Protein backbone atom coordinates (compact mmCIF):
# COMPACT_ATOMS: atom_id res chain seq x y z
CA UNK A 1 -14.30 134.01 67.93
CA UNK A 2 -14.44 135.73 64.53
CA UNK A 3 -15.63 132.55 62.12
CA UNK A 4 -13.87 131.17 59.63
CA UNK A 5 -14.76 129.74 56.10
CA UNK A 6 -14.07 126.08 55.84
CA UNK A 7 -12.52 127.03 51.96
CA UNK A 8 -9.80 128.89 54.45
CA UNK A 9 -6.23 127.52 52.87
CA UNK A 10 -4.80 124.16 54.85
CA UNK A 11 -1.97 124.23 56.79
CA UNK A 12 0.28 121.27 56.12
CA UNK A 13 3.80 121.06 57.60
CA UNK A 14 6.17 118.74 55.10
CA UNK A 15 7.47 115.86 57.69
CA UNK A 16 5.18 116.35 60.89
CA UNK A 17 3.65 112.73 60.42
CA UNK A 18 5.45 110.07 61.37
CA UNK A 19 3.36 107.67 59.61
CA UNK A 20 4.07 104.88 56.74
CA UNK A 21 2.79 106.24 53.00
CA UNK A 22 1.08 103.28 52.68
CA UNK A 23 -2.94 103.74 52.66
CA UNK A 24 -4.39 102.61 55.65
CA UNK A 25 -7.98 102.80 57.25
CA UNK A 26 -9.24 106.17 58.96
CA UNK A 27 -11.36 106.81 61.89
CA UNK A 28 -13.00 110.37 62.82
CA UNK A 29 -12.14 110.89 66.96
CA UNK A 30 -14.16 113.70 68.48
CA UNK A 31 -13.50 115.48 71.42
CA UNK A 32 -17.68 116.35 73.19
CA UNK A 33 -17.75 119.41 75.03
CA UNK A 34 -18.04 122.27 73.26
CA UNK A 35 -17.12 120.57 70.11
CA UNK A 36 -20.17 118.32 69.39
CA UNK A 37 -22.60 120.12 72.59
CA UNK A 38 -22.88 123.66 72.00
CA UNK A 39 -22.18 124.27 75.70
CA UNK A 40 -19.13 122.84 78.19
CA UNK A 41 -21.55 119.93 80.04
CA UNK A 42 -19.40 120.07 82.80
CA UNK A 43 -18.98 124.38 83.45
CA UNK A 44 -23.31 124.05 82.89
CA UNK A 45 -23.68 121.45 86.27
CA UNK A 46 -21.73 124.13 88.27
CA UNK A 47 -23.16 127.13 87.40
CA UNK A 48 -26.21 125.39 88.39
CA UNK A 49 -25.23 123.11 91.28
CA UNK A 50 -21.95 124.17 92.20
CA UNK A 51 -20.04 126.54 94.19
CA UNK A 52 -16.99 129.26 94.92
CA UNK A 53 -14.83 126.48 95.93
CA UNK A 54 -15.57 125.58 91.81
CA UNK A 55 -15.09 128.52 90.58
CA UNK A 56 -11.35 128.82 92.32
CA UNK A 57 -10.54 125.06 91.36
CA UNK A 58 -11.07 126.43 87.67
CA UNK A 59 -8.68 129.42 88.31
CA UNK A 60 -6.00 126.60 89.59
CA UNK A 61 -6.01 125.26 86.66
CA UNK A 62 -6.68 127.73 83.96
CA UNK A 63 -3.76 128.97 85.74
CA UNK A 64 -1.53 125.72 85.27
CA UNK A 65 -1.33 124.76 89.07
CA UNK A 66 -2.80 121.57 89.11
CA UNK A 67 -4.91 119.76 85.49
CA UNK A 68 -8.22 119.14 84.30
CA UNK A 69 -8.08 115.62 86.42
CA UNK A 70 -7.57 117.29 89.75
CA UNK A 71 -9.75 120.03 88.80
CA UNK A 72 -12.67 118.59 87.90
CA UNK A 73 -12.55 115.55 90.17
CA UNK A 74 -12.32 118.44 93.31
CA UNK A 75 -15.46 120.17 91.32
CA UNK A 76 -18.14 116.91 90.92
CA UNK A 77 -17.56 116.55 94.74
CA UNK A 78 -18.81 119.75 95.01
CA UNK A 79 -21.79 119.09 93.29
CA UNK A 80 -24.98 118.99 95.03
CA UNK A 81 -28.72 117.75 93.10
CA UNK A 82 -30.35 115.10 93.02
CA UNK A 83 -30.07 112.37 89.41
CA UNK A 84 -33.55 113.97 88.20
CA UNK A 85 -32.20 117.73 89.08
CA UNK A 86 -28.83 116.76 87.59
CA UNK A 87 -30.45 114.86 84.43
CA UNK A 88 -32.87 117.46 83.91
CA UNK A 89 -30.07 120.28 83.64
CA UNK A 90 -27.96 117.86 81.24
CA UNK A 91 -31.26 117.94 79.24
CA UNK A 92 -30.94 121.82 78.78
CA UNK A 93 -27.12 121.19 76.26
CA UNK A 94 -28.52 121.47 73.03
CA UNK A 95 -25.59 119.57 70.33
CA UNK A 96 -24.24 120.95 67.57
CA UNK A 97 -27.38 119.94 65.10
CA UNK A 98 -25.55 119.66 61.78
CA UNK A 99 -23.65 116.35 63.49
CA UNK A 100 -25.83 113.70 63.14
CA UNK A 101 -25.72 114.20 59.58
CA UNK A 102 -21.69 114.02 59.53
CA UNK A 103 -22.14 110.89 61.44
CA UNK A 104 -23.89 109.47 58.68
CA UNK A 105 -22.18 111.03 56.17
CA UNK A 106 -18.85 109.29 57.98
CA UNK A 107 -20.67 105.96 58.38
CA UNK A 108 -21.41 106.34 53.93
CA UNK A 109 -18.09 106.44 53.29
CA UNK A 110 -16.96 103.69 55.90
CA UNK A 111 -15.93 105.86 58.69
CA UNK A 112 -16.38 105.32 62.37
CA UNK A 113 -17.16 108.43 64.50
CA UNK A 114 -15.99 108.00 67.86
CA UNK A 115 -15.95 110.00 70.83
CA UNK A 116 -13.02 110.96 73.45
CA UNK A 117 -13.31 113.47 76.13
CA UNK A 118 -12.17 114.31 79.13
CA UNK A 119 -15.75 115.39 80.13
CA UNK A 120 -18.97 113.37 81.48
CA UNK A 121 -20.19 109.73 80.15
CA UNK A 122 -23.51 109.85 82.20
CA UNK A 123 -24.21 113.27 80.62
CA UNK A 124 -22.56 112.18 76.96
CA UNK A 125 -24.32 109.34 77.09
CA UNK A 126 -28.00 110.76 77.85
CA UNK A 127 -27.65 113.43 75.42
CA UNK A 128 -26.28 110.84 72.33
CA UNK A 129 -29.82 109.01 73.10
CA UNK A 130 -31.66 111.54 72.72
CA UNK A 131 -30.37 112.29 69.28
CA UNK A 132 -30.81 108.46 68.02
CA UNK A 133 -26.68 108.23 68.56
CA UNK A 134 -26.44 105.87 71.23
CA UNK A 135 -24.12 103.54 68.99
CA UNK A 136 -21.36 105.57 69.35
CA UNK A 137 -18.08 104.49 70.92
CA UNK A 138 -17.75 106.48 73.66
CA UNK A 139 -14.21 107.10 76.18
CA UNK A 140 -15.03 109.52 78.91
CA UNK A 141 -14.96 110.05 82.33
CA UNK A 142 -17.43 107.91 84.44
CA UNK A 143 -19.84 109.84 86.64
CA UNK A 144 -21.51 108.12 89.78
CA UNK A 145 -24.04 109.33 92.12
CA UNK A 146 -22.84 108.80 96.48
CA UNK A 147 -26.07 109.78 97.31
CA UNK A 148 -27.28 112.42 99.78
CA UNK A 149 -26.77 114.69 96.33
CA UNK A 150 -23.38 113.72 96.07
CA UNK A 151 -21.20 113.15 92.82
CA UNK A 152 -18.09 111.42 92.20
CA UNK A 153 -15.64 111.54 89.15
CA UNK A 154 -13.24 109.00 87.86
CA UNK A 155 -11.02 108.69 85.52
CA UNK A 156 -10.56 105.15 83.82
CA UNK A 157 -8.51 106.85 80.13
CA UNK A 158 -6.21 108.36 82.58
CA UNK A 159 -2.72 108.11 82.49
CA UNK A 160 0.09 108.81 85.32
CA UNK A 161 2.45 109.97 82.62
CA UNK A 162 0.15 112.52 81.17
CA UNK A 163 1.95 115.89 80.61
CA UNK A 164 -1.72 118.10 80.85
CA UNK A 165 -2.27 115.93 84.12
CA UNK A 166 -5.90 115.16 82.28
CA UNK A 167 -8.54 113.11 83.46
CA UNK A 168 -8.82 111.47 80.11
CA UNK A 169 -5.76 110.83 78.28
CA UNK A 170 -6.28 111.40 74.61
CA UNK A 171 -2.90 110.65 73.33
CA UNK A 172 -3.15 107.26 74.90
CA UNK A 173 -6.30 106.85 72.70
CA UNK A 174 -5.02 108.02 69.83
CA UNK A 175 -1.83 105.54 69.59
CA UNK A 176 -4.04 102.99 70.43
CA UNK A 177 -5.60 103.32 67.16
CA UNK A 178 -2.49 103.71 65.09
CA UNK A 179 -0.93 100.62 66.17
CA UNK A 180 -4.20 99.07 65.06
CA UNK A 181 -3.23 100.32 61.79
CA UNK A 182 -5.94 102.84 61.73
CA UNK A 183 -5.38 106.96 60.13
CA UNK A 184 -6.74 109.15 62.29
CA UNK A 185 -9.11 112.07 61.84
CA UNK A 186 -9.10 114.02 64.97
CA UNK A 187 -11.54 117.19 65.43
CA UNK A 188 -12.03 119.75 68.62
CA UNK A 189 -11.95 123.01 69.74
CA UNK A 190 -10.43 123.69 72.99
CA UNK A 191 -7.10 122.76 75.26
CA UNK A 192 -7.68 119.85 76.21
CA UNK A 193 -7.17 119.08 72.72
CA UNK A 194 -4.08 120.54 72.41
CA UNK A 195 -1.38 117.45 72.64
CA UNK A 196 -3.47 114.99 70.94
CA UNK A 197 -3.58 116.90 68.06
CA UNK A 198 0.40 117.02 67.66
CA UNK A 199 -0.18 113.67 66.92
CA UNK A 200 -3.31 113.26 64.47
CA UNK A 201 -2.87 112.43 60.79
CA UNK A 202 -5.66 115.53 60.02
CA UNK A 203 -7.14 117.88 62.03
CA UNK A 204 -10.38 119.61 61.70
CA UNK A 205 -9.97 122.53 64.46
CA UNK A 206 -12.28 125.28 66.07
CA UNK A 207 -12.15 128.07 68.41
CA UNK A 208 -9.05 127.54 70.50
CA UNK A 209 -7.66 124.29 69.01
CA UNK A 210 -7.66 126.53 65.96
CA UNK A 211 -5.69 129.42 67.38
CA UNK A 212 -2.86 125.98 68.46
CA UNK A 213 -2.37 124.54 65.36
CA UNK A 214 -2.41 128.27 63.24
CA UNK A 215 0.80 128.95 66.50
CA UNK A 216 2.12 125.45 66.40
CA UNK A 217 1.83 124.94 62.45
CA UNK A 218 0.46 121.86 62.41
CA UNK A 219 -1.90 120.14 59.70
CA UNK A 220 -4.80 121.05 59.87
CA UNK A 221 -8.55 122.01 58.72
CA UNK A 222 -10.73 124.96 59.99
CA UNK A 223 -14.04 124.65 60.70
CA UNK A 224 -17.00 126.78 62.57
CA UNK A 225 -18.92 123.76 62.58
CA UNK A 226 -20.10 120.35 61.69
CA UNK A 227 -21.67 121.57 58.62
CA UNK A 228 -17.88 122.74 57.49
CA UNK A 229 -17.01 119.25 58.66
CA UNK A 230 -19.39 117.49 56.55
CA UNK A 231 -18.39 120.12 52.99
CA UNK A 232 -14.34 119.89 54.11
CA UNK A 233 -14.59 115.32 54.67
CA UNK A 234 -14.51 114.03 51.25
CA UNK A 235 -12.18 117.05 49.95
CA UNK A 236 -9.42 116.77 53.37
CA UNK A 237 -9.37 112.81 52.84
CA UNK A 238 -8.81 113.63 49.10
CA UNK A 239 -5.54 115.76 49.78
CA UNK A 240 -4.51 113.43 52.72
CA UNK A 241 -3.80 111.01 50.19
CA UNK A 242 -2.48 113.13 48.08
CA UNK A 243 0.37 114.29 49.73
CA UNK A 244 1.04 111.06 51.67
CA UNK A 245 1.55 109.55 47.27
């Protein structure tokens, strides 16, 4: 995909936000797969330990026949790997090299970074630990080992009324933040971020999410990674305050 400059003009839609105009605290919510990680964790594991049934489920999800919850539950059930084999595969996944510095920048500004993922908690916690980021709050689907090379996926953050039939209803998590009196800066890249982007106070978007925001005229900043997010953070927050004043 064509690289988008962080200096690209911001799209702002008057009246899009429903929040009261007074100043509230901010929290940063970020997707993981393809946003923080450079590779999609589930896709990487399927390539290593999956089968044709996994690819059939993916095709059905892409066609809109099933939601991500049903797709991922079926795919994970098809994986065959020991914990050591699975972890070794996870270890091959790299993170955006500027993510840790972005977290540090946010901390110096009094901003907490939390991870919302429709992916696998085991992989996220393992990769964060390797990069000294184990302190970050993570909400994600729960991966557990059932023995004999078999795995199971639970969805503790699912919502039966979720329009996308996602494993993790990110909209519900965002709503809880806003009800607690927090403005939300959301960072994402893909289809699991579409619904939540329509509710966030500000969006840093890349790849598929960037196209979605442009098509639906959502208030956003275009990024190609966390280097751009670092460069934009102060400017974006200041611009938001000016527009809400």
